[in-house]
């Protein structure tokens, strides 16, 4: 099942990430972003599918007026571990996501 990615679900995605990490079983969280609610077609970023990307940071920006007086629409920004940034703009974009925990790798020796 997918969840819509927008500023209205920003707190939900943060809760999901936190809950995965709190289990102690995961060292990080990966996200796949889709263009359809069914989760069949991955979104693309710089020509590559946004599949199983490790999340480094998620930000939400509310609507505001910039210095030129133009309204900037609310959005969610996701920074990945390769420094690519995915932006979902409310009212313009319709994206959906699934999260998966990245298992902790135990090292002995």
N, C-alpha and C. Protein backbone atom coordinates (compact mmCIF):
# COMPACT_ATOMS: atom_id res chain seq x y z
N UNK A 1 0.83 -1.18 0.00
CA UNK A 1 0.00 0.00 0.00
C UNK A 1 0.88 1.25 0.00
N UNK A 2 0.48 2.25 -0.73
CA UNK A 2 1.22 3.49 -0.79
C UNK A 2 0.50 4.57 0.00
N UNK A 3 1.23 5.63 0.30
CA UNK A 3 0.67 6.79 0.98
C UNK A 3 1.01 8.01 0.13
N UNK A 4 0.07 8.94 0.02
CA UNK A 4 0.33 10.14 -0.76
C UNK A 4 1.42 10.97 -0.10
N UNK A 5 2.29 11.54 -0.91
CA UNK A 5 3.41 12.36 -0.44
C UNK A 5 3.08 13.83 -0.65
N UNK A 6 2.80 14.53 0.46
CA UNK A 6 2.54 15.96 0.40
C UNK A 6 2.69 16.53 1.81
N UNK A 7 2.48 17.82 1.94
CA UNK A 7 2.68 18.44 3.26
C UNK A 7 1.65 17.97 4.28
N UNK A 8 0.50 17.50 3.81
CA UNK A 8 -0.52 16.98 4.73
C UNK A 8 -0.11 15.65 5.36
N UNK A 9 0.76 14.90 4.69
CA UNK A 9 1.20 13.60 5.21
C UNK A 9 2.64 13.66 5.76
N UNK A 10 3.18 14.87 5.83
CA UNK A 10 4.57 15.04 6.30
C UNK A 10 4.76 14.46 7.70
N UNK A 11 3.88 14.73 8.62
CA UNK A 11 4.04 14.21 9.98
C UNK A 11 3.91 12.69 10.00
N UNK A 12 3.09 12.15 9.12
CA UNK A 12 2.93 10.70 9.04
C UNK A 12 4.22 10.02 8.57
N UNK A 13 4.86 10.58 7.56
CA UNK A 13 6.10 9.97 7.07
C UNK A 13 7.18 10.04 8.15
N UNK A 14 7.23 11.15 8.88
CA UNK A 14 8.20 11.26 9.98
C UNK A 14 7.94 10.23 11.06
N UNK A 15 6.67 10.02 11.40
CA UNK A 15 6.31 9.02 12.40
C UNK A 15 6.69 7.62 11.93
N UNK A 16 6.43 7.32 10.66
CA UNK A 16 6.78 6.01 10.11
C UNK A 16 8.28 5.77 10.15
N UNK A 17 9.06 6.77 9.78
CA UNK A 17 10.52 6.65 9.82
C UNK A 17 10.99 6.43 11.26
N UNK A 18 10.48 7.24 12.17
CA UNK A 18 10.86 7.13 13.58
C UNK A 18 10.51 5.75 14.13
N UNK A 19 9.31 5.26 13.83
CA UNK A 19 8.89 3.95 14.32
C UNK A 19 9.77 2.83 13.79
N UNK A 20 10.15 2.90 12.53
CA UNK A 20 11.06 1.89 11.97
C UNK A 20 12.41 1.91 12.70
N UNK A 21 12.94 3.11 12.90
CA UNK A 21 14.26 3.21 13.54
C UNK A 21 14.21 2.80 15.01
N UNK A 22 13.10 3.06 15.69
CA UNK A 22 12.97 2.72 17.11
C UNK A 22 12.96 1.21 17.37
N UNK A 23 12.69 0.41 16.35
CA UNK A 23 12.68 -1.03 16.54
C UNK A 23 14.08 -1.56 16.85
N UNK A 24 15.10 -0.80 16.46
CA UNK A 24 16.47 -1.25 16.66
C UNK A 24 16.94 -2.24 15.60
N UNK A 25 16.07 -2.58 14.68
CA UNK A 25 16.40 -3.55 13.63
C UNK A 25 16.96 -2.89 12.38
N UNK A 26 16.83 -1.55 12.30
CA UNK A 26 17.18 -0.86 11.06
C UNK A 26 18.19 0.26 11.32
N UNK A 27 19.11 0.38 10.38
CA UNK A 27 20.12 1.44 10.47
C UNK A 27 19.71 2.68 9.67
N UNK A 28 18.68 2.55 8.88
CA UNK A 28 18.19 3.65 8.06
C UNK A 28 16.87 3.26 7.43
N UNK A 29 16.35 4.17 6.62
CA UNK A 29 15.07 3.92 5.96
C UNK A 29 15.21 4.29 4.49
N UNK A 30 14.73 3.39 3.63
CA UNK A 30 14.70 3.64 2.19
C UNK A 30 13.27 3.97 1.78
N UNK A 31 13.17 4.74 0.71
CA UNK A 31 11.86 5.14 0.18
C UNK A 31 11.82 4.85 -1.31
N UNK A 32 10.66 4.42 -1.77
CA UNK A 32 10.37 4.35 -3.20
C UNK A 32 9.21 5.29 -3.43
N UNK A 33 9.32 6.14 -4.42
CA UNK A 33 8.29 7.13 -4.73
C UNK A 33 7.66 6.77 -6.08
N UNK A 34 6.34 6.80 -6.10
CA UNK A 34 5.57 6.40 -7.28
C UNK A 34 4.75 7.57 -7.82
N UNK A 35 4.38 7.47 -9.10
CA UNK A 35 3.51 8.46 -9.70
C UNK A 35 2.05 8.00 -9.66
N UNK A 36 1.81 6.75 -9.24
CA UNK A 36 0.46 6.22 -9.15
C UNK A 36 0.21 5.63 -7.76
N UNK A 37 -1.03 5.72 -7.31
CA UNK A 37 -1.39 5.25 -5.97
C UNK A 37 -1.23 3.75 -5.81
N UNK A 38 -1.28 3.00 -6.92
CA UNK A 38 -1.14 1.55 -6.86
C UNK A 38 0.30 1.12 -6.63
N UNK A 39 1.25 2.02 -6.84
CA UNK A 39 2.66 1.68 -6.65
C UNK A 39 3.24 0.86 -7.78
N UNK A 40 2.80 1.13 -8.99
CA UNK A 40 3.30 0.39 -10.15
C UNK A 40 4.37 1.14 -10.93
N UNK A 41 4.31 2.47 -10.91
CA UNK A 41 5.20 3.27 -11.76
C UNK A 41 6.05 4.19 -10.88
N UNK A 42 7.37 3.89 -10.78
CA UNK A 42 8.23 4.74 -9.96
C UNK A 42 8.40 6.14 -10.56
N UNK A 43 8.48 7.12 -9.68
CA UNK A 43 8.83 8.47 -10.11
C UNK A 43 10.29 8.46 -10.55
N UNK A 44 10.68 9.49 -11.30
CA UNK A 44 12.08 9.59 -11.72
C UNK A 44 12.68 10.90 -11.22
N UNK A 45 13.98 10.86 -11.05
CA UNK A 45 14.77 12.02 -10.65
C UNK A 45 16.06 11.96 -11.44
N UNK A 46 16.32 13.01 -12.21
CA UNK A 46 17.51 13.04 -13.07
C UNK A 46 17.59 11.81 -13.97
N UNK A 47 16.42 11.36 -14.46
CA UNK A 47 16.38 10.25 -15.40
C UNK A 47 16.42 8.87 -14.77
N UNK A 48 16.50 8.78 -13.44
CA UNK A 48 16.58 7.49 -12.76
C UNK A 48 15.37 7.29 -11.86
N UNK A 49 14.92 6.03 -11.77
CA UNK A 49 13.78 5.70 -10.92
C UNK A 49 14.13 5.98 -9.46
N UNK A 50 13.16 6.49 -8.72
CA UNK A 50 13.34 6.75 -7.29
C UNK A 50 12.86 5.50 -6.54
N UNK A 51 13.75 4.51 -6.50
CA UNK A 51 13.45 3.22 -5.88
C UNK A 51 14.50 2.91 -4.82
N UNK A 52 14.02 2.55 -3.63
CA UNK A 52 14.90 2.15 -2.53
C UNK A 52 16.03 3.14 -2.30
N UNK A 53 15.70 4.41 -2.26
CA UNK A 53 16.69 5.46 -1.99
C UNK A 53 16.76 5.69 -0.49
N UNK A 54 17.96 5.76 0.04
CA UNK A 54 18.13 5.98 1.47
C UNK A 54 17.86 7.45 1.81
N UNK A 55 16.98 7.64 2.78
CA UNK A 55 16.58 8.98 3.21
C UNK A 55 17.63 9.54 4.17
N UNK A 56 18.10 10.73 3.89
CA UNK A 56 19.00 11.43 4.80
C UNK A 56 18.24 12.50 5.60
N UNK A 57 17.29 13.17 4.93
CA UNK A 57 16.56 14.25 5.58
C UNK A 57 15.26 14.50 4.83
N UNK A 58 14.21 14.84 5.60
CA UNK A 58 12.93 15.21 5.01
C UNK A 58 12.53 16.56 5.59
N UNK A 59 12.15 17.48 4.72
CA UNK A 59 11.70 18.81 5.14
C UNK A 59 10.34 19.11 4.53
N UNK A 60 9.58 19.92 5.24
CA UNK A 60 8.31 20.41 4.73
C UNK A 60 8.36 21.93 4.76
N UNK A 61 7.91 22.55 3.68
CA UNK A 61 7.87 24.01 3.61
C UNK A 61 6.44 24.45 3.37
N UNK A 62 5.96 25.32 4.23
CA UNK A 62 4.60 25.86 4.07
C UNK A 62 4.61 26.91 2.96
N UNK A 63 3.45 27.24 2.47
CA UNK A 63 3.30 28.29 1.47
C UNK A 63 3.76 29.63 2.05
N UNK A 64 4.41 30.43 1.21
CA UNK A 64 4.87 31.76 1.64
C UNK A 64 5.04 32.65 0.42
N UNK A 65 5.21 33.94 0.67
CA UNK A 65 5.48 34.90 -0.41
C UNK A 65 6.98 35.17 -0.42
N UNK A 66 7.59 35.08 -1.61
CA UNK A 66 9.02 35.36 -1.73
C UNK A 66 9.25 36.87 -1.83
N UNK A 67 10.50 37.27 -1.98
CA UNK A 67 10.85 38.70 -2.02
C UNK A 67 10.21 39.45 -3.18
N UNK A 68 9.88 38.70 -4.24
CA UNK A 68 9.24 39.31 -5.40
C UNK A 68 7.72 39.37 -5.24
N UNK A 69 7.20 38.90 -4.10
CA UNK A 69 5.77 38.92 -3.85
C UNK A 69 5.00 37.76 -4.44
N UNK A 70 5.74 36.79 -5.01
CA UNK A 70 5.09 35.62 -5.59
C UNK A 70 4.84 34.57 -4.50
N UNK A 71 3.72 33.89 -4.62
CA UNK A 71 3.41 32.82 -3.67
C UNK A 71 4.17 31.56 -4.05
N UNK A 72 4.89 31.02 -3.09
CA UNK A 72 5.60 29.75 -3.26
C UNK A 72 4.73 28.67 -2.63
N UNK A 73 4.41 27.66 -3.42
CA UNK A 73 3.50 26.61 -2.95
C UNK A 73 4.18 25.71 -1.92
N UNK A 74 3.38 25.12 -1.03
CA UNK A 74 3.94 24.21 -0.03
C UNK A 74 4.52 22.97 -0.70
N UNK A 75 5.55 22.40 -0.07
CA UNK A 75 6.20 21.23 -0.65
C UNK A 75 6.88 20.38 0.42
N UNK A 76 7.22 19.17 0.01
CA UNK A 76 8.03 18.26 0.81
C UNK A 76 9.31 18.01 0.03
N UNK A 77 10.45 18.18 0.69
CA UNK A 77 11.76 17.89 0.09
C UNK A 77 12.37 16.69 0.78
N UNK A 78 12.87 15.75 -0.01
CA UNK A 78 13.55 14.58 0.54
C UNK A 78 14.96 14.58 0.00
N UNK A 79 15.94 14.61 0.91
CA UNK A 79 17.35 14.54 0.53
C UNK A 79 17.80 13.10 0.69
N UNK A 80 18.41 12.56 -0.38
CA UNK A 80 18.90 11.19 -0.36
C UNK A 80 20.39 11.16 -0.02
N UNK A 81 20.89 9.97 0.29
CA UNK A 81 22.29 9.85 0.71
C UNK A 81 23.29 10.13 -0.42
N UNK A 82 22.83 10.26 -1.65
CA UNK A 82 23.71 10.64 -2.76
C UNK A 82 23.63 12.14 -3.06
N UNK A 83 23.00 12.89 -2.13
CA UNK A 83 22.82 14.35 -2.20
C UNK A 83 21.83 14.80 -3.27
N UNK A 84 21.08 13.89 -3.86
CA UNK A 84 19.99 14.29 -4.76
C UNK A 84 18.80 14.69 -3.90
N UNK A 85 18.03 15.65 -4.40
CA UNK A 85 16.90 16.20 -3.66
C UNK A 85 15.64 16.02 -4.49
N UNK A 86 14.64 15.35 -3.90
CA UNK A 86 13.35 15.14 -4.56
C UNK A 86 12.34 16.09 -3.94
N UNK A 87 11.62 16.83 -4.77
CA UNK A 87 10.64 17.80 -4.28
C UNK A 87 9.25 17.44 -4.78
N UNK A 88 8.31 17.35 -3.84
CA UNK A 88 6.90 17.13 -4.17
C UNK A 88 6.14 18.40 -3.80
N UNK A 89 5.65 19.11 -4.80
CA UNK A 89 4.96 20.38 -4.60
C UNK A 89 3.45 20.14 -4.53
N UNK A 90 2.86 20.53 -3.40
CA UNK A 90 1.41 20.42 -3.27
C UNK A 90 0.75 21.18 -4.42
N UNK A 91 -0.36 20.72 -4.88
CA UNK A 91 -1.17 21.32 -5.94
C UNK A 91 -0.60 21.06 -7.34
N UNK A 92 0.71 20.81 -7.46
CA UNK A 92 1.32 20.57 -8.77
C UNK A 92 1.62 19.08 -9.00
N UNK A 93 2.08 18.41 -7.95
CA UNK A 93 2.56 17.03 -8.07
C UNK A 93 1.64 16.07 -7.34
N UNK A 94 1.60 14.85 -7.84
CA UNK A 94 0.84 13.79 -7.19
C UNK A 94 1.75 12.58 -7.09
N UNK A 95 2.38 12.41 -5.93
CA UNK A 95 3.30 11.30 -5.71
C UNK A 95 2.82 10.47 -4.53
N UNK A 96 3.28 9.23 -4.50
CA UNK A 96 2.95 8.28 -3.45
C UNK A 96 4.24 7.59 -3.04
N UNK A 97 4.27 7.07 -1.82
CA UNK A 97 5.52 6.46 -1.35
C UNK A 97 5.28 5.19 -0.56
N UNK A 98 6.36 4.39 -0.47
CA UNK A 98 6.45 3.24 0.41
C UNK A 98 7.80 3.32 1.10
N UNK A 99 7.83 2.99 2.38
CA UNK A 99 9.08 2.96 3.14
C UNK A 99 9.46 1.53 3.47
N UNK A 100 10.76 1.30 3.61
CA UNK A 100 11.26 0.01 4.06
C UNK A 100 12.51 0.26 4.89
N UNK A 101 12.63 -0.47 5.99
CA UNK A 101 13.80 -0.32 6.84
C UNK A 101 15.02 -0.98 6.21
N UNK A 102 16.20 -0.39 6.45
CA UNK A 102 17.47 -0.95 6.01
C UNK A 102 18.03 -1.73 7.19
N UNK A 103 18.13 -3.04 7.05
CA UNK A 103 18.53 -3.90 8.16
C UNK A 103 19.92 -3.53 8.68
N UNK A 104 20.06 -3.61 10.01
CA UNK A 104 21.36 -3.38 10.65
C UNK A 104 22.26 -4.56 10.27
N UNK A 105 23.47 -4.25 9.85
CA UNK A 105 24.44 -5.29 9.53
C UNK A 105 25.34 -5.46 10.76
N UNK A 106 25.25 -6.64 11.37
CA UNK A 106 26.07 -6.90 12.55
C UNK A 106 27.46 -7.32 12.12
N UNK A 107 28.44 -6.72 12.75
CA UNK A 107 29.84 -7.01 12.42
C UNK A 107 30.51 -7.64 13.63
N UNK A 108 31.17 -8.72 13.40
CA UNK A 108 31.88 -9.40 14.47
C UNK A 108 33.37 -9.36 14.17
N UNK A 109 34.13 -9.38 15.21
CA UNK A 109 35.56 -9.49 14.94
C UNK A 109 36.34 -8.57 15.72
